[in-house]
């Protein structure tokens, strides 16, 4: 169960999405989409998610909002249909997913990486988006890269004070107005670490 956290205008049923964001920029984007009642992968922001490739079932873009260090690339491959669970992917969509990943490999001369999907219940996979999508991680091969698969109850409790600071800032408090303790909680979480 997610700790209690409230943002005016966001349903308690959707608040879990905020516990899985990695930085303040992503937090603000996620809050905006929740307040507008839109799925960020059904109604994509072309300035943020510049589609590099698409076919009948999938789109591909570079992850610039929640990118991680130690990677040459991280691609997001969301389904065009609003799906929530991997069980909903049909045979044609599986084929077209393979086509999309082959395009990425050819276009970016990739000879290895990790294709990851978070499906279903967010308590079992740490997803921040209810829309089914794959992440294609391409490490540099020089640095250790880790991907969070799931979070413990302790991780979620530890995230709560960070979200509370993010919300203060979203409501208008500047970074400089935060207490020293609050600044130390979020200073390395303001923007994507591996952003291009």
N, C-alpha and C. Protein backbone atom coordinates (compact mmCIF):
# COMPACT_ATOMS: atom_id res chain seq x y z
N UNK A 1 0.84 -1.19 0.00
CA UNK A 1 0.00 0.00 0.00
C UNK A 1 0.88 1.24 0.00
N UNK A 2 0.48 2.23 -0.78
CA UNK A 2 1.24 3.48 -0.84
C UNK A 2 0.92 4.35 0.36
N UNK A 3 1.92 5.06 0.90
CA UNK A 3 1.65 5.97 2.01
C UNK A 3 0.66 7.05 1.58
N UNK A 4 -0.04 7.61 2.55
CA UNK A 4 -1.01 8.66 2.24
C UNK A 4 -0.29 9.92 1.80
N UNK A 5 -0.70 10.42 0.66
CA UNK A 5 -0.15 11.65 0.09
C UNK A 5 -1.26 12.25 -0.75
N UNK A 6 -1.44 13.56 -0.64
CA UNK A 6 -2.51 14.21 -1.37
C UNK A 6 -1.98 15.38 -2.20
N UNK A 7 -2.53 15.48 -3.38
CA UNK A 7 -2.30 16.63 -4.25
C UNK A 7 -3.69 17.09 -4.67
N UNK A 8 -4.03 18.36 -4.42
CA UNK A 8 -5.37 18.84 -4.77
C UNK A 8 -5.72 18.53 -6.22
N UNK A 9 -6.88 17.88 -6.40
CA UNK A 9 -7.36 17.57 -7.74
C UNK A 9 -6.97 16.20 -8.26
N UNK A 10 -6.12 15.48 -7.54
CA UNK A 10 -5.70 14.15 -7.99
C UNK A 10 -6.36 13.09 -7.11
N UNK A 11 -6.98 12.14 -7.78
CA UNK A 11 -7.67 11.06 -7.09
C UNK A 11 -6.69 10.20 -6.30
N UNK A 12 -7.11 9.73 -5.11
CA UNK A 12 -6.27 8.79 -4.35
C UNK A 12 -5.95 7.52 -5.16
N UNK A 13 -6.81 7.17 -6.11
CA UNK A 13 -6.56 6.00 -6.95
C UNK A 13 -5.39 6.22 -7.92
N UNK A 14 -5.04 7.46 -8.19
CA UNK A 14 -3.96 7.77 -9.14
C UNK A 14 -2.67 8.22 -8.46
N UNK A 15 -2.69 8.45 -7.16
CA UNK A 15 -1.54 9.05 -6.47
C UNK A 15 -0.30 8.17 -6.54
N UNK A 16 -0.49 6.85 -6.70
CA UNK A 16 0.65 5.92 -6.77
C UNK A 16 1.63 6.31 -7.87
N UNK A 17 1.13 6.91 -8.95
CA UNK A 17 2.00 7.26 -10.07
C UNK A 17 3.10 8.23 -9.65
N UNK A 18 2.81 9.06 -8.66
CA UNK A 18 3.81 10.05 -8.21
C UNK A 18 4.93 9.40 -7.41
N UNK A 19 4.64 8.29 -6.73
CA UNK A 19 5.67 7.62 -5.93
C UNK A 19 6.75 6.99 -6.79
N UNK A 20 6.51 6.87 -8.07
CA UNK A 20 7.47 6.20 -8.94
C UNK A 20 8.17 7.14 -9.91
N UNK A 21 7.97 8.46 -9.76
CA UNK A 21 8.72 9.41 -10.60
C UNK A 21 10.13 9.54 -10.04
N UNK A 22 11.06 9.86 -10.91
CA UNK A 22 12.47 9.89 -10.50
C UNK A 22 13.02 11.28 -10.24
N UNK A 23 12.32 12.33 -10.66
CA UNK A 23 12.86 13.68 -10.48
C UNK A 23 11.74 14.71 -10.49
N UNK A 24 12.09 15.93 -10.10
CA UNK A 24 11.09 17.00 -9.99
C UNK A 24 10.46 17.35 -11.34
N UNK A 25 11.26 17.38 -12.40
CA UNK A 25 10.70 17.70 -13.72
C UNK A 25 9.63 16.68 -14.10
N UNK A 26 9.90 15.41 -13.84
CA UNK A 26 8.93 14.36 -14.15
C UNK A 26 7.72 14.47 -13.23
N UNK A 27 7.94 14.81 -11.96
CA UNK A 27 6.83 15.00 -11.01
C UNK A 27 5.86 16.05 -11.54
N UNK A 28 6.38 17.20 -11.95
CA UNK A 28 5.52 18.28 -12.45
C UNK A 28 4.75 17.85 -13.69
N UNK A 29 5.41 17.17 -14.60
CA UNK A 29 4.76 16.70 -15.82
C UNK A 29 3.66 15.69 -15.48
N UNK A 30 3.96 14.80 -14.55
CA UNK A 30 3.00 13.77 -14.16
C UNK A 30 1.79 14.41 -13.47
N UNK A 31 2.01 15.36 -12.56
CA UNK A 31 0.90 16.04 -11.89
C UNK A 31 0.02 16.75 -12.92
N UNK A 32 0.65 17.45 -13.87
CA UNK A 32 -0.12 18.15 -14.90
C UNK A 32 -1.01 17.18 -15.68
N UNK A 33 -0.46 16.04 -16.09
CA UNK A 33 -1.27 15.10 -16.87
C UNK A 33 -2.39 14.50 -16.03
N UNK A 34 -2.14 14.23 -14.74
CA UNK A 34 -3.18 13.71 -13.87
C UNK A 34 -4.28 14.75 -13.64
N UNK A 35 -3.91 16.00 -13.47
CA UNK A 35 -4.91 17.06 -13.27
C UNK A 35 -5.75 17.27 -14.53
N UNK A 36 -5.14 17.09 -15.68
CA UNK A 36 -5.87 17.24 -16.95
C UNK A 36 -6.67 16.00 -17.29
N UNK A 37 -6.41 14.90 -16.58
CA UNK A 37 -7.13 13.65 -16.85
C UNK A 37 -6.75 12.99 -18.15
N UNK A 38 -5.50 13.17 -18.56
CA UNK A 38 -5.04 12.57 -19.81
C UNK A 38 -3.91 11.57 -19.54
N UNK A 39 -3.84 10.58 -20.38
CA UNK A 39 -2.73 9.64 -20.34
C UNK A 39 -1.60 10.24 -21.15
N UNK A 40 -0.45 10.37 -20.52
CA UNK A 40 0.71 10.98 -21.19
C UNK A 40 1.23 10.19 -22.37
N UNK A 41 0.80 8.94 -22.54
CA UNK A 41 1.23 8.16 -23.68
C UNK A 41 0.13 8.01 -24.73
N UNK A 42 -1.10 8.37 -24.37
CA UNK A 42 -2.17 8.41 -25.37
C UNK A 42 -2.18 9.76 -26.07
N UNK A 43 -1.96 10.80 -25.29
CA UNK A 43 -1.88 12.16 -25.83
C UNK A 43 -0.47 12.66 -25.56
N UNK A 44 0.45 12.32 -26.44
CA UNK A 44 1.85 12.62 -26.19
C UNK A 44 2.15 14.10 -26.42
N UNK A 45 3.12 14.59 -25.68
CA UNK A 45 3.62 15.95 -25.83
C UNK A 45 4.74 15.88 -26.87
N UNK A 46 4.51 16.39 -28.09
CA UNK A 46 5.51 16.25 -29.14
C UNK A 46 6.82 16.99 -28.86
N UNK A 47 6.77 17.98 -27.97
CA UNK A 47 8.01 18.67 -27.60
C UNK A 47 8.86 17.81 -26.68
N UNK A 48 8.21 17.04 -25.82
CA UNK A 48 8.92 16.19 -24.86
C UNK A 48 9.21 14.81 -25.44
N UNK A 49 8.23 14.23 -26.08
CA UNK A 49 8.35 12.88 -26.62
C UNK A 49 8.34 12.93 -28.14
N UNK A 50 9.49 13.25 -28.70
CA UNK A 50 9.61 13.35 -30.16
C UNK A 50 9.68 11.94 -30.75
N UNK A 51 8.63 11.58 -31.45
CA UNK A 51 8.55 10.24 -32.02
C UNK A 51 9.63 10.06 -33.09
N UNK A 52 10.46 9.05 -32.89
CA UNK A 52 11.53 8.73 -33.83
C UNK A 52 11.08 7.70 -34.85
N UNK A 53 10.15 6.85 -34.43
CA UNK A 53 9.68 5.76 -35.27
C UNK A 53 8.29 5.37 -34.78
N UNK A 54 7.45 4.94 -35.71
CA UNK A 54 6.17 4.35 -35.31
C UNK A 54 5.70 3.39 -36.37
N UNK A 55 4.94 2.43 -35.92
CA UNK A 55 4.27 1.51 -36.83
C UNK A 55 2.80 1.45 -36.38
N UNK A 56 2.07 0.47 -36.80
CA UNK A 56 0.63 0.42 -36.48
C UNK A 56 0.35 0.20 -34.99
N UNK A 57 1.33 -0.29 -34.22
CA UNK A 57 1.07 -0.64 -32.82
C UNK A 57 1.91 0.11 -31.80
N UNK A 58 3.07 0.62 -32.19
CA UNK A 58 4.03 1.18 -31.22
C UNK A 58 4.63 2.48 -31.73
N UNK A 59 5.06 3.32 -30.78
CA UNK A 59 5.86 4.52 -31.05
C UNK A 59 7.19 4.34 -30.34
N UNK A 60 8.20 5.07 -30.79
CA UNK A 60 9.51 5.03 -30.15
C UNK A 60 10.00 6.46 -29.98
N UNK A 61 10.49 6.76 -28.76
CA UNK A 61 11.19 8.02 -28.53
C UNK A 61 12.26 7.81 -27.48
N UNK A 62 13.20 8.75 -27.42
CA UNK A 62 14.23 8.70 -26.38
C UNK A 62 13.62 9.19 -25.07
N UNK A 63 14.03 8.55 -23.98
CA UNK A 63 13.55 8.95 -22.66
C UNK A 63 14.43 10.09 -22.16
N UNK A 64 13.93 11.30 -22.26
CA UNK A 64 14.65 12.46 -21.75
C UNK A 64 14.09 12.95 -20.42
N UNK A 65 12.97 12.40 -19.97
CA UNK A 65 12.33 12.86 -18.74
C UNK A 65 12.78 12.06 -17.53
N UNK A 66 13.05 10.79 -17.69
CA UNK A 66 13.48 9.96 -16.57
C UNK A 66 14.71 9.14 -16.97
N UNK A 67 15.58 9.76 -17.73
CA UNK A 67 16.79 9.08 -18.20
C UNK A 67 17.71 8.76 -17.03
N UNK A 68 18.56 7.78 -17.23
CA UNK A 68 19.50 7.36 -16.19
C UNK A 68 20.93 7.49 -16.69
N UNK A 69 21.84 7.71 -15.76
CA UNK A 69 23.26 7.79 -16.11
C UNK A 69 23.77 6.42 -16.52
N UNK A 70 24.90 6.42 -17.22
CA UNK A 70 25.56 5.18 -17.59
C UNK A 70 24.97 4.50 -18.80
N UNK A 71 24.16 5.23 -19.57
CA UNK A 71 23.55 4.64 -20.75
C UNK A 71 23.81 5.50 -21.98
N UNK A 72 24.03 4.84 -23.09
CA UNK A 72 24.12 5.57 -24.36
C UNK A 72 22.72 6.05 -24.76
N UNK A 73 21.74 5.18 -24.53
CA UNK A 73 20.36 5.49 -24.88
C UNK A 73 19.41 4.82 -23.90
N UNK A 74 18.24 5.42 -23.76
CA UNK A 74 17.10 4.75 -23.15
C UNK A 74 15.89 5.16 -23.98
N UNK A 75 15.27 4.18 -24.58
CA UNK A 75 14.11 4.43 -25.43
C UNK A 75 12.84 4.01 -24.71
N UNK A 76 11.75 4.72 -24.99
CA UNK A 76 10.42 4.36 -24.52
C UNK A 76 9.65 3.87 -25.74
N UNK A 77 8.98 2.73 -25.57
CA UNK A 77 8.21 2.14 -26.67
C UNK A 77 6.78 1.88 -26.15
N UNK A 78 5.92 2.91 -26.19
CA UNK A 78 4.54 2.73 -25.71
C UNK A 78 3.64 2.16 -26.81
N UNK A 79 2.66 1.39 -26.37
CA UNK A 79 1.66 0.89 -27.31
C UNK A 79 0.79 2.06 -27.77
N UNK A 80 0.31 1.98 -28.98
CA UNK A 80 -0.59 3.02 -29.47
C UNK A 80 -1.98 2.87 -28.85
N UNK A 81 -2.38 1.61 -28.59
CA UNK A 81 -3.64 1.38 -27.88
C UNK A 81 -3.36 1.58 -26.40
N UNK A 82 -4.34 2.06 -25.66
CA UNK A 82 -4.16 2.19 -24.21
C UNK A 82 -4.33 0.82 -23.58
N UNK A 83 -3.20 0.21 -23.23
CA UNK A 83 -3.17 -1.09 -22.58
C UNK A 83 -2.58 -0.91 -21.20
N UNK A 84 -2.95 -1.78 -20.27
CA UNK A 84 -2.41 -1.71 -18.93
C UNK A 84 -1.61 -2.93 -18.53
N UNK A 85 -1.79 -4.01 -19.29
CA UNK A 85 -1.21 -5.27 -18.90
C UNK A 85 -0.66 -5.99 -20.12
N UNK A 86 0.43 -6.66 -19.96
CA UNK A 86 1.07 -7.36 -21.08
C UNK A 86 0.16 -8.42 -21.69
N UNK A 87 -0.78 -8.94 -20.91
CA UNK A 87 -1.73 -9.95 -21.42
C UNK A 87 -2.63 -9.39 -22.52
N UNK A 88 -2.72 -8.08 -22.63
CA UNK A 88 -3.59 -7.46 -23.62
C UNK A 88 -2.92 -7.31 -24.99
N UNK A 89 -1.61 -7.55 -25.07
CA UNK A 89 -0.89 -7.42 -26.33
C UNK A 89 -1.26 -8.59 -27.24
N UNK A 90 -1.70 -8.28 -28.46
CA UNK A 90 -2.08 -9.35 -29.39
C UNK A 90 -0.87 -9.80 -30.22
N UNK A 91 -1.05 -10.85 -31.01
CA UNK A 91 0.07 -11.42 -31.78
C UNK A 91 0.65 -10.42 -32.77
N UNK A 92 -0.18 -9.67 -33.44
CA UNK A 92 0.32 -8.68 -34.40
C UNK A 92 1.16 -7.63 -33.67
N UNK A 93 0.70 -7.20 -32.50
CA UNK A 93 1.45 -6.19 -31.75
C UNK A 93 2.81 -6.73 -31.29
N UNK A 94 2.88 -8.02 -30.92
CA UNK A 94 4.18 -8.61 -30.57
C UNK A 94 5.13 -8.55 -31.76
N UNK A 95 4.63 -8.91 -32.93
CA UNK A 95 5.44 -8.86 -34.14
C UNK A 95 5.92 -7.44 -34.41
N UNK A 96 5.02 -6.48 -34.27
CA UNK A 96 5.37 -5.08 -34.54
C UNK A 96 6.31 -4.51 -33.47
N UNK A 97 6.26 -5.03 -32.24
CA UNK A 97 7.24 -4.64 -31.22
C UNK A 97 8.63 -5.09 -31.65
N UNK A 98 8.74 -6.30 -32.14
CA UNK A 98 10.03 -6.79 -32.64
C UNK A 98 10.52 -5.92 -33.78
N UNK A 99 9.61 -5.52 -34.65
CA UNK A 99 9.97 -4.63 -35.76
C UNK A 99 10.51 -3.29 -35.25
N UNK A 100 9.87 -2.75 -34.23
CA UNK A 100 10.31 -1.47 -33.66
C UNK A 100 11.69 -1.59 -33.02
N UNK A 101 11.94 -2.67 -32.28
CA UNK A 101 13.25 -2.83 -31.65
C UNK A 101 14.34 -3.08 -32.70
N UNK A 102 14.01 -3.80 -33.77
CA UNK A 102 14.98 -3.98 -34.86
C UNK A 102 15.32 -2.63 -35.49
N UNK A 103 14.32 -1.78 -35.66
CA UNK A 103 14.57 -0.45 -36.23
C UNK A 103 15.54 0.32 -35.33
N UNK A 104 15.30 0.29 -34.01
CA UNK A 104 16.19 1.00 -33.08
C UNK A 104 17.62 0.46 -33.22
N UNK A 105 17.77 -0.86 -33.22
CA UNK A 105 19.10 -1.46 -33.33
C UNK A 105 19.82 -1.04 -34.60
N UNK A 106 19.10 -1.04 -35.72
CA UNK A 106 19.72 -0.63 -36.99
C UNK A 106 20.04 0.86 -37.00
N UNK A 107 19.06 1.67 -36.61
CA UNK A 107 19.20 3.13 -36.70
C UNK A 107 20.31 3.67 -35.80
N UNK A 108 20.49 3.06 -34.63
CA UNK A 108 21.45 3.56 -33.65
C UNK A 108 22.67 2.63 -33.50
N UNK A 109 22.79 1.66 -34.38
CA UNK A 109 23.92 0.71 -34.37
C UNK A 109 24.11 0.09 -32.98
N UNK A 110 23.04 -0.46 -32.45
CA UNK A 110 23.05 -1.04 -31.11
C UNK A 110 23.31 -2.54 -31.22
N UNK A 111 24.28 -3.00 -30.43
CA UNK A 111 24.60 -4.42 -30.46
C UNK A 111 24.25 -5.14 -29.17
N UNK A 112 23.52 -4.45 -28.26
CA UNK A 112 23.09 -5.09 -27.02
C UNK A 112 22.39 -4.11 -26.12
N UNK A 113 21.46 -4.62 -25.33
CA UNK A 113 20.73 -3.78 -24.40
C UNK A 113 19.73 -4.61 -23.61
N UNK A 114 18.85 -3.94 -22.88
CA UNK A 114 17.86 -4.61 -22.04
C UNK A 114 16.48 -4.06 -22.38
N UNK A 115 15.57 -4.95 -22.77
CA UNK A 115 14.20 -4.57 -23.04
C UNK A 115 13.37 -4.94 -21.81
N UNK A 116 12.71 -3.95 -21.23
CA UNK A 116 12.01 -4.12 -19.96
C UNK A 116 10.57 -3.65 -20.11
N UNK A 117 9.64 -4.38 -19.49
CA UNK A 117 8.24 -3.95 -19.47
C UNK A 117 7.74 -4.04 -18.04
N UNK A 118 6.96 -3.05 -17.65
CA UNK A 118 6.28 -3.06 -16.35
C UNK A 118 4.80 -3.25 -16.65
N UNK A 119 4.22 -4.31 -16.11
CA UNK A 119 2.85 -4.68 -16.46
C UNK A 119 2.01 -4.83 -15.21
N UNK A 120 0.76 -4.36 -15.30
CA UNK A 120 -0.19 -4.59 -14.23
C UNK A 120 0.04 -3.76 -12.98
N UNK A 121 -0.10 -4.39 -11.82
CA UNK A 121 -0.07 -3.74 -10.52
C UNK A 121 1.25 -3.01 -10.26
N UNK A 122 1.22 -1.68 -10.03
CA UNK A 122 2.45 -0.92 -9.83
C UNK A 122 3.23 -1.31 -8.57
N UNK A 123 2.56 -1.93 -7.59
CA UNK A 123 3.29 -2.39 -6.41
C UNK A 123 4.25 -3.53 -6.75
N UNK A 124 4.04 -4.15 -7.89
CA UNK A 124 4.90 -5.27 -8.29
C UNK A 124 5.93 -4.88 -9.35
N UNK A 125 5.96 -3.60 -9.75
CA UNK A 125 6.89 -3.26 -10.84
C UNK A 125 7.40 -1.82 -10.86
N UNK A 126 6.98 -0.98 -9.94
CA UNK A 126 7.48 0.41 -9.81
C UNK A 126 7.24 1.28 -11.04
N UNK A 127 6.18 1.00 -11.79
CA UNK A 127 5.90 1.84 -12.95
C UNK A 127 5.31 3.18 -12.51
N UNK A 128 5.50 4.20 -13.34
CA UNK A 128 4.93 5.51 -13.05
C UNK A 128 3.84 5.88 -14.06
N UNK A 129 3.64 5.04 -15.04
CA UNK A 129 2.67 5.31 -16.11
C UNK A 129 1.76 4.10 -16.25
N UNK A 130 0.44 4.29 -16.18
CA UNK A 130 -0.47 3.15 -16.29
C UNK A 130 -0.56 2.59 -17.71
N UNK A 131 -0.04 3.29 -18.68
CA UNK A 131 -0.08 2.88 -20.09
C UNK A 131 1.08 1.90 -20.34
N UNK A 132 0.77 0.74 -20.89
CA UNK A 132 1.79 -0.27 -21.15
C UNK A 132 2.85 0.26 -22.10
N UNK A 133 4.09 0.10 -21.70
CA UNK A 133 5.21 0.51 -22.54
C UNK A 133 6.44 -0.30 -22.18
N UNK A 134 7.32 -0.40 -23.13
CA UNK A 134 8.60 -1.05 -22.92
C UNK A 134 9.67 0.03 -22.79
N UNK A 135 10.68 -0.24 -22.00
CA UNK A 135 11.87 0.61 -21.93
C UNK A 135 13.02 -0.20 -22.50
N UNK A 136 13.74 0.39 -23.42
CA UNK A 136 14.90 -0.27 -24.02
C UNK A 136 16.14 0.47 -23.53
N UNK A 137 16.86 -0.16 -22.61
CA UNK A 137 18.05 0.43 -22.00
C UNK A 137 19.29 -0.04 -22.76
N UNK A 138 20.15 0.91 -23.12
CA UNK A 138 21.39 0.59 -23.81
C UNK A 138 22.54 1.18 -22.99
N UNK A 139 23.10 0.38 -22.08
CA UNK A 139 24.20 0.85 -21.24
C UNK A 139 25.46 1.16 -22.06
N UNK A 140 26.30 2.02 -21.51
CA UNK A 140 27.57 2.36 -22.16
C UNK A 140 28.52 1.17 -22.17
N UNK A 141 28.35 0.27 -21.21
CA UNK A 141 29.27 -0.86 -21.08
C UNK A 141 30.43 -0.53 -20.17
N UNK A 142 30.47 0.72 -19.67
CA UNK A 142 31.56 1.15 -18.79
C UNK A 142 31.10 1.36 -17.35
N UNK A 143 29.82 1.65 -17.18
CA UNK A 143 29.29 1.98 -15.86
C UNK A 143 28.24 0.98 -15.43
N UNK A 144 28.07 0.85 -14.13
CA UNK A 144 27.00 0.01 -13.60
C UNK A 144 25.68 0.75 -13.80
N UNK A 145 24.70 0.06 -14.31
CA UNK A 145 23.37 0.62 -14.52
C UNK A 145 22.38 -0.32 -13.82
N UNK A 146 21.52 0.25 -13.00
CA UNK A 146 20.50 -0.55 -12.34
C UNK A 146 19.12 -0.03 -12.73
N UNK A 147 18.18 -0.94 -12.77
CA UNK A 147 16.80 -0.60 -13.08
C UNK A 147 15.95 -1.09 -11.91
N UNK A 148 15.12 -0.21 -11.37
CA UNK A 148 14.26 -0.59 -10.26
C UNK A 148 13.11 -1.45 -10.79
N UNK A 149 12.99 -2.63 -10.23
CA UNK A 149 11.90 -3.52 -10.62
C UNK A 149 10.72 -3.36 -9.68
N UNK A 150 10.99 -3.24 -8.40
CA UNK A 150 9.93 -3.03 -7.43
C UNK A 150 10.50 -2.28 -6.23
N UNK A 151 9.61 -1.65 -5.50
CA UNK A 151 10.01 -0.90 -4.31
C UNK A 151 9.40 -1.54 -3.08
N UNK A 152 10.15 -1.47 -1.99
CA UNK A 152 9.63 -1.99 -0.73
C UNK A 152 8.75 -0.94 -0.07
N UNK A 153 8.01 -1.36 0.94
CA UNK A 153 7.21 -0.40 1.72
C UNK A 153 8.12 0.68 2.30
N UNK A 154 9.32 0.28 2.72
CA UNK A 154 10.29 1.24 3.26
C UNK A 154 10.68 2.27 2.19
N UNK A 155 10.92 1.83 0.94
CA UNK A 155 11.25 2.76 -0.14
C UNK A 155 10.15 3.78 -0.34
N UNK A 156 8.90 3.32 -0.29
CA UNK A 156 7.76 4.21 -0.51
C UNK A 156 7.64 5.22 0.63
N UNK A 157 7.86 4.79 1.86
CA UNK A 157 7.83 5.70 3.01
C UNK A 157 8.96 6.73 2.89
N UNK A 158 10.12 6.29 2.43
CA UNK A 158 11.26 7.20 2.25
C UNK A 158 11.00 8.21 1.13
N UNK A 159 10.20 7.85 0.15
CA UNK A 159 9.89 8.74 -0.97
C UNK A 159 8.91 9.85 -0.57
N UNK A 160 8.07 9.60 0.43
CA UNK A 160 7.04 10.54 0.82
C UNK A 160 7.58 11.95 1.12
N UNK A 161 8.64 12.13 1.95
CA UNK A 161 9.13 13.48 2.20
C UNK A 161 9.64 14.18 0.94
N UNK A 162 10.16 13.41 0.00
CA UNK A 162 10.62 13.99 -1.27
C UNK A 162 9.43 14.52 -2.05
N UNK A 163 8.37 13.72 -2.11
CA UNK A 163 7.16 14.17 -2.81
C UNK A 163 6.55 15.40 -2.14
N UNK A 164 6.61 15.45 -0.82
CA UNK A 164 6.08 16.61 -0.10
C UNK A 164 6.86 17.88 -0.46
N UNK A 165 8.17 17.76 -0.62
CA UNK A 165 8.99 18.91 -1.04
C UNK A 165 8.68 19.26 -2.49
N UNK A 166 8.61 18.25 -3.35
CA UNK A 166 8.25 18.52 -4.75
C UNK A 166 6.93 19.29 -4.83
N UNK A 167 5.95 18.89 -4.02
CA UNK A 167 4.65 19.54 -4.07
C UNK A 167 4.74 20.98 -3.56
N UNK A 168 5.55 21.23 -2.53
CA UNK A 168 5.76 22.62 -2.06
C UNK A 168 6.30 23.47 -3.20
N UNK A 169 7.26 22.91 -3.92
CA UNK A 169 7.87 23.66 -5.03
C UNK A 169 6.87 23.86 -6.17
N UNK A 170 6.10 22.84 -6.46
CA UNK A 170 5.10 22.97 -7.52
C UNK A 170 4.07 24.04 -7.17
N UNK A 171 3.79 24.18 -5.87
CA UNK A 171 2.84 25.18 -5.41
C UNK A 171 3.44 26.58 -5.37
N UNK A 172 4.73 26.71 -5.69
CA UNK A 172 5.32 28.04 -5.81
C UNK A 172 6.52 28.35 -4.92
N UNK A 173 6.86 27.47 -4.00
CA UNK A 173 8.02 27.72 -3.14
C UNK A 173 9.30 27.50 -3.95
N UNK A 174 10.22 28.44 -3.88
CA UNK A 174 11.47 28.29 -4.61
C UNK A 174 12.42 27.35 -3.86
N UNK A 175 13.38 26.81 -4.57
CA UNK A 175 14.37 25.92 -3.97
C UNK A 175 15.08 26.62 -2.81
N UNK A 176 15.37 27.90 -2.99
CA UNK A 176 16.07 28.68 -1.96
C UNK A 176 15.24 28.87 -0.70
N UNK A 177 13.92 28.86 -0.82
CA UNK A 177 13.04 29.02 0.34
C UNK A 177 12.88 27.74 1.16
N UNK A 178 13.29 26.63 0.62
CA UNK A 178 13.19 25.37 1.34
C UNK A 178 14.17 25.36 2.51
N UNK A 179 13.87 24.56 3.51
CA UNK A 179 14.81 24.40 4.61
C UNK A 179 16.05 23.66 4.10
N UNK A 180 17.12 23.71 4.85
CA UNK A 180 18.34 23.01 4.45
C UNK A 180 18.07 21.51 4.30
N UNK A 181 17.28 20.96 5.23
CA UNK A 181 16.95 19.54 5.18
C UNK A 181 16.15 19.21 3.91
N UNK A 182 15.19 20.06 3.57
CA UNK A 182 14.38 19.84 2.37
C UNK A 182 15.23 19.93 1.11
N UNK A 183 16.12 20.92 1.05
CA UNK A 183 17.01 21.06 -0.11
C UNK A 183 17.88 19.82 -0.28
N UNK A 184 18.38 19.30 0.84
CA UNK A 184 19.25 18.12 0.74
C UNK A 184 18.48 16.89 0.25
N UNK A 185 17.17 16.84 0.53
CA UNK A 185 16.35 15.72 0.05
C UNK A 185 16.20 15.70 -1.47
N UNK A 186 16.16 16.89 -2.08
CA UNK A 186 15.81 16.96 -3.50
C UNK A 186 16.89 17.53 -4.42
N UNK A 187 17.99 18.02 -3.87
CA UNK A 187 18.96 18.72 -4.72
C UNK A 187 19.49 17.87 -5.87
N UNK A 188 19.59 16.57 -5.69
CA UNK A 188 20.06 15.72 -6.78
C UNK A 188 18.91 15.07 -7.54
N UNK A 189 17.69 15.55 -7.31
CA UNK A 189 16.51 14.99 -7.96
C UNK A 189 15.71 16.06 -8.72
N UNK A 190 16.35 17.11 -9.11
CA UNK A 190 15.64 18.20 -9.77
C UNK A 190 15.39 17.93 -11.25
N UNK A 191 16.37 17.34 -11.92
CA UNK A 191 16.25 17.09 -13.35
C UNK A 191 16.73 15.69 -13.67
N UNK A 192 16.40 15.18 -14.83
CA UNK A 192 16.89 13.85 -15.20
C UNK A 192 18.41 13.80 -15.15
N UNK A 193 18.96 12.75 -14.56
CA UNK A 193 20.41 12.63 -14.42
C UNK A 193 21.11 12.43 -15.75
N UNK A 194 20.55 11.62 -16.60
CA UNK A 194 21.22 11.32 -17.86
C UNK A 194 20.60 12.04 -19.03
N UNK A 195 19.92 13.15 -18.78
CA UNK A 195 19.19 13.85 -19.85
C UNK A 195 20.13 14.28 -20.96
N UNK A 196 19.67 14.11 -22.17
CA UNK A 196 20.47 14.48 -23.34
C UNK A 196 20.33 15.96 -23.62
